[in-house]
């Protein structure tokens, strides 16, 4: 079994297919850990969920955008801020287009997402981040899906050439949520200390990233603006 983790997808089905194909991902035997935010942004949200449902060994973390999508599917909640500023309109349009607003498989997909995942090697997978001063089990879903303080601290310590020993309570930490292509314009996954950031801005004209957890081999999509007009 090869083990991979996937950055924020944001409805970019064409990019998702590219990284799975370029990594020779085995849907039956390989493990895929998704860092969340499957929805909102590009128009192929339903296709993205359908593709991930094909993966036999899937661990999916819930992103903040996924929570909004679940609220829509379960309760019909479509907050105006989410529809506009959050690009939720693309998600709503996708579900209307495919007539899947009541699809139980999709509802269960989002309901089964985890707030975070810690594997047997003490590697933490979380969408946004966490407060290193508080036990993660005591932090809410909102805390771990929105929190950017971990990545901001890592950047600060890196720029100031300081040690960042607090993060060593985990062997490695993998996050998304905060796009790296504004600070690091080459749109590659960024490793600071023991923290990997896998959000290369696919929602905002960047790339989608997939990485082999053990070998750290990186597979990326084309620039998203070449895939979607």
Protein backbone atom coordinates (compact mmCIF):
# COMPACT_ATOMS: atom_id res chain seq x y z
CA UNK A 1 0.00 0.00 0.00
CA UNK A 2 1.27 3.44 -0.97
CA UNK A 3 0.08 6.29 1.24
CA UNK A 4 -0.81 9.68 -0.21
CA UNK A 5 -2.30 12.89 1.05
CA UNK A 6 -4.23 15.39 -1.01
CA UNK A 7 -4.50 19.16 -0.71
CA UNK A 8 -7.61 21.32 -1.00
CA UNK A 9 -9.56 20.32 -4.14
CA UNK A 10 -12.25 23.02 -4.36
CA UNK A 11 -14.30 21.42 -7.11
CA UNK A 12 -11.38 21.09 -9.52
CA UNK A 13 -12.20 17.65 -10.89
CA UNK A 14 -9.87 17.99 -13.88
CA UNK A 15 -6.96 18.70 -11.54
CA UNK A 16 -7.95 15.82 -9.25
CA UNK A 17 -7.87 13.37 -12.15
CA UNK A 18 -4.44 14.67 -13.19
CA UNK A 19 -2.75 14.12 -9.83
CA UNK A 20 -4.30 10.68 -9.34
CA UNK A 21 -3.19 9.63 -12.81
CA UNK A 22 0.31 11.12 -12.51
CA UNK A 23 0.90 9.26 -9.25
CA UNK A 24 -0.41 5.97 -10.66
CA UNK A 25 -2.78 5.91 -7.71
CA UNK A 26 -4.28 2.46 -7.06
CA UNK A 27 -7.95 2.94 -6.09
CA UNK A 28 -8.18 -0.55 -4.60
CA UNK A 29 -4.97 -0.77 -2.59
CA UNK A 30 -3.45 2.66 -1.91
CA UNK A 31 -4.39 4.91 0.99
CA UNK A 32 -5.56 8.47 0.34
CA UNK A 33 -5.86 11.08 3.07
CA UNK A 34 -7.75 14.15 1.92
CA UNK A 35 -7.11 17.35 3.87
CA UNK A 36 -10.60 18.66 3.10
CA UNK A 37 -12.28 21.51 1.24
CA UNK A 38 -13.52 19.27 -1.54
CA UNK A 39 -16.12 21.89 -2.47
CA UNK A 40 -16.51 25.57 -3.41
CA UNK A 41 -14.59 27.22 -6.21
CA UNK A 42 -14.60 25.32 -9.50
CA UNK A 43 -17.75 23.82 -11.02
CA UNK A 44 -17.18 20.06 -10.71
CA UNK A 45 -17.92 19.41 -7.03
CA UNK A 46 -20.21 16.44 -7.60
CA UNK A 47 -17.64 14.82 -9.91
CA UNK A 48 -14.94 15.27 -7.24
CA UNK A 49 -17.03 13.55 -4.58
CA UNK A 50 -17.94 10.73 -6.96
CA UNK A 51 -14.26 10.19 -7.77
CA UNK A 52 -13.25 10.08 -4.11
CA UNK A 53 -16.04 7.62 -3.38
CA UNK A 54 -14.24 5.20 -5.71
CA UNK A 55 -11.21 5.11 -3.37
CA UNK A 56 -11.42 2.03 -1.18
CA UNK A 57 -9.00 3.29 1.48
CA UNK A 58 -10.02 6.91 2.01
CA UNK A 59 -9.59 9.06 5.11
CA UNK A 60 -11.20 12.45 4.64
CA UNK A 61 -10.69 15.45 6.91
CA UNK A 62 -13.46 18.04 7.02
CA UNK A 63 -12.58 21.53 5.83
CA UNK A 64 -14.54 24.66 6.66
CA UNK A 65 -16.05 24.72 3.16
CA UNK A 66 -17.15 21.11 3.55
CA UNK A 67 -19.10 22.04 6.68
CA UNK A 68 -21.05 24.66 4.71
CA UNK A 69 -21.77 22.11 1.98
CA UNK A 70 -23.03 19.57 4.53
CA UNK A 71 -25.32 22.19 6.06
CA UNK A 72 -26.74 22.79 2.60
CA UNK A 73 -27.31 19.12 1.85
CA UNK A 74 -28.80 18.23 5.23
CA UNK A 75 -30.71 21.35 6.23
CA UNK A 76 -30.94 23.36 3.02
CA UNK A 77 -28.90 26.14 4.65
CA UNK A 78 -27.41 28.45 2.01
CA UNK A 79 -25.84 31.39 3.80
CA UNK A 80 -25.42 34.43 1.53
CA UNK A 81 -21.84 34.99 2.69
CA UNK A 82 -20.99 31.39 1.77
CA UNK A 83 -22.72 31.59 -1.60
CA UNK A 84 -20.83 34.74 -2.58
CA UNK A 85 -17.56 35.26 -0.73
CA UNK A 86 -17.13 31.53 -0.06
CA UNK A 87 -17.82 30.49 -3.67
CA UNK A 88 -20.59 28.23 -2.43
CA UNK A 89 -22.67 29.07 -5.48
CA UNK A 90 -20.46 26.74 -7.53
CA UNK A 91 -21.24 23.90 -5.13
CA UNK A 92 -24.97 24.60 -5.12
CA UNK A 93 -25.02 24.84 -8.93
CA UNK A 94 -23.16 21.54 -9.26
CA UNK A 95 -25.64 19.70 -7.03
CA UNK A 96 -28.60 21.23 -8.84
CA UNK A 97 -27.11 20.39 -12.24
CA UNK A 98 -26.69 16.73 -11.31
CA UNK A 99 -29.92 16.56 -9.27
CA UNK A 100 -28.04 15.28 -6.21
CA UNK A 101 -29.19 17.61 -3.46
CA UNK A 102 -30.83 14.57 -1.80
CA UNK A 103 -28.12 12.02 -2.63
CA UNK A 104 -27.60 9.96 0.53
CA UNK A 105 -24.15 8.80 -0.61
CA UNK A 106 -22.91 12.38 -0.78
CA UNK A 107 -24.47 13.33 2.54
CA UNK A 108 -22.79 10.36 4.21
CA UNK A 109 -19.50 11.25 2.53
CA UNK A 110 -19.45 14.62 4.27
CA UNK A 111 -20.89 13.29 7.54
CA UNK A 112 -18.05 10.74 7.79
CA UNK A 113 -15.32 13.35 7.44
CA UNK A 114 -13.05 13.61 10.48
CA UNK A 115 -11.99 16.79 12.32
CA UNK A 116 -8.40 15.47 12.23
CA UNK A 117 -6.51 12.20 11.94
CA UNK A 118 -3.40 10.94 13.76
CA UNK A 119 -1.81 7.84 12.27
CA UNK A 120 0.23 5.10 13.95
CA UNK A 121 3.44 7.08 13.25
CA UNK A 122 2.15 10.09 15.25
CA UNK A 123 1.60 12.13 12.10
CA UNK A 124 -1.22 14.66 12.35
CA UNK A 125 -3.48 15.46 9.40
CA UNK A 126 -5.73 18.48 9.91
CA UNK A 127 -7.37 20.98 7.58
CA UNK A 128 -6.60 24.35 9.12
CA UNK A 129 -4.26 23.89 12.05
CA UNK A 130 -4.42 23.84 15.82
CA UNK A 131 -3.43 25.58 19.01
CA UNK A 132 -0.27 23.76 20.12
CA UNK A 133 -0.87 24.86 23.71
CA UNK A 134 -4.18 22.97 23.93
CA UNK A 135 -4.78 19.22 23.65
CA UNK A 136 -6.24 18.68 20.18
CA UNK A 137 -8.99 16.50 21.63
CA UNK A 138 -10.27 19.59 23.46
CA UNK A 139 -10.38 21.73 20.32
CA UNK A 140 -13.58 22.12 18.33
CA UNK A 141 -14.12 21.34 14.66
CA UNK A 142 -14.21 25.08 14.03
CA UNK A 143 -10.83 25.46 15.77
CA UNK A 144 -9.04 22.85 13.68
CA UNK A 145 -10.71 23.69 10.37
CA UNK A 146 -10.19 27.47 10.55
CA UNK A 147 -7.09 27.98 12.71
CA UNK A 148 -4.16 29.52 10.80
CA UNK A 149 -1.98 30.30 13.81
CA UNK A 150 0.16 27.17 13.39
CA UNK A 151 1.22 28.10 9.86
CA UNK A 152 1.70 31.77 10.74
CA UNK A 153 3.93 30.75 13.64
CA UNK A 154 5.94 28.42 11.42
CA UNK A 155 6.53 31.20 8.89
CA UNK A 156 7.54 33.62 11.65
CA UNK A 157 10.00 31.18 13.23
CA UNK A 158 11.43 30.34 9.81
CA UNK A 159 11.98 33.99 8.84
CA UNK A 160 13.55 34.81 12.20
CA UNK A 161 15.72 31.64 12.16
CA UNK A 162 14.15 30.47 15.40
CA UNK A 163 13.53 26.95 16.60
CA UNK A 164 9.90 25.80 16.57
CA UNK A 165 10.06 22.99 19.10
CA UNK A 166 6.36 23.23 20.03
CA UNK A 167 5.39 21.45 16.82
CA UNK A 168 7.47 18.40 17.72
CA UNK A 169 4.68 16.91 19.79
CA UNK A 170 3.87 15.27 16.43
CA UNK A 171 6.31 13.54 14.13
CA UNK A 172 4.88 15.50 11.21
CA UNK A 173 1.90 17.80 10.67
CA UNK A 174 0.04 18.10 7.36
CA UNK A 175 -2.31 21.01 6.73
CA UNK A 176 -4.23 22.78 3.97
CA UNK A 177 -6.54 25.81 4.24
CA UNK A 178 -3.87 28.54 3.94
CA UNK A 179 -2.69 28.88 0.35
CA UNK A 180 1.07 29.03 -0.03
CA UNK A 181 1.30 30.54 -3.51
CA UNK A 182 0.96 34.09 -2.18
CA UNK A 183 4.08 33.75 0.01
CA UNK A 184 5.88 31.08 -2.03
CA UNK A 185 4.96 31.78 -5.69
CA UNK A 186 6.38 28.59 -7.22
CA UNK A 187 3.19 26.76 -6.06
CA UNK A 188 5.00 23.78 -4.56
CA UNK A 189 4.03 22.12 -1.26
CA UNK A 190 5.96 23.90 1.49
CA UNK A 191 7.78 22.19 4.34
CA UNK A 192 8.71 24.33 7.35
CA UNK A 193 10.16 22.43 10.30
CA UNK A 194 7.98 19.29 10.54
CA UNK A 195 4.92 20.97 8.98
CA UNK A 196 3.78 20.43 5.39
CA UNK A 197 1.31 22.83 3.79
CA UNK A 198 -0.54 21.27 0.85
CA UNK A 199 -2.77 24.17 -0.24
CA UNK A 200 -1.17 25.56 -3.39
CA UNK A 201 -4.10 27.81 -4.22
CA UNK A 202 -6.10 25.66 -6.61
CA UNK A 203 -9.12 27.78 -5.67
CA UNK A 204 -7.29 30.93 -6.80
CA UNK A 205 -5.44 30.03 -10.02
CA UNK A 206 -2.77 27.82 -8.41
CA UNK A 207 -2.28 24.04 -8.53
CA UNK A 208 -3.62 20.93 -6.82
CA UNK A 209 -1.03 18.85 -4.97
CA UNK A 210 -0.76 15.18 -4.02
CA UNK A 211 2.18 13.74 -2.09
CA UNK A 212 3.43 10.29 -1.18
CA UNK A 213 3.60 10.41 2.62
CA UNK A 214 6.59 8.08 2.91
CA UNK A 215 8.77 9.14 -0.02
CA UNK A 216 7.63 12.81 -0.18
CA UNK A 217 7.32 12.53 -3.96
CA UNK A 218 5.06 15.33 -5.18
CA UNK A 219 2.48 15.15 -7.96
CA UNK A 220 0.79 18.33 -9.15
CA UNK A 221 -1.86 19.36 -11.60
CA UNK A 222 -1.33 21.89 -14.34
CA UNK A 223 -2.00 25.51 -13.43
CA UNK A 224 -5.73 25.59 -12.80
CA UNK A 225 -6.37 28.46 -15.20
CA UNK A 226 -5.23 26.19 -18.05
CA UNK A 227 -7.89 23.64 -17.06
CA UNK A 228 -10.81 25.98 -16.41
CA UNK A 229 -11.55 29.27 -18.10
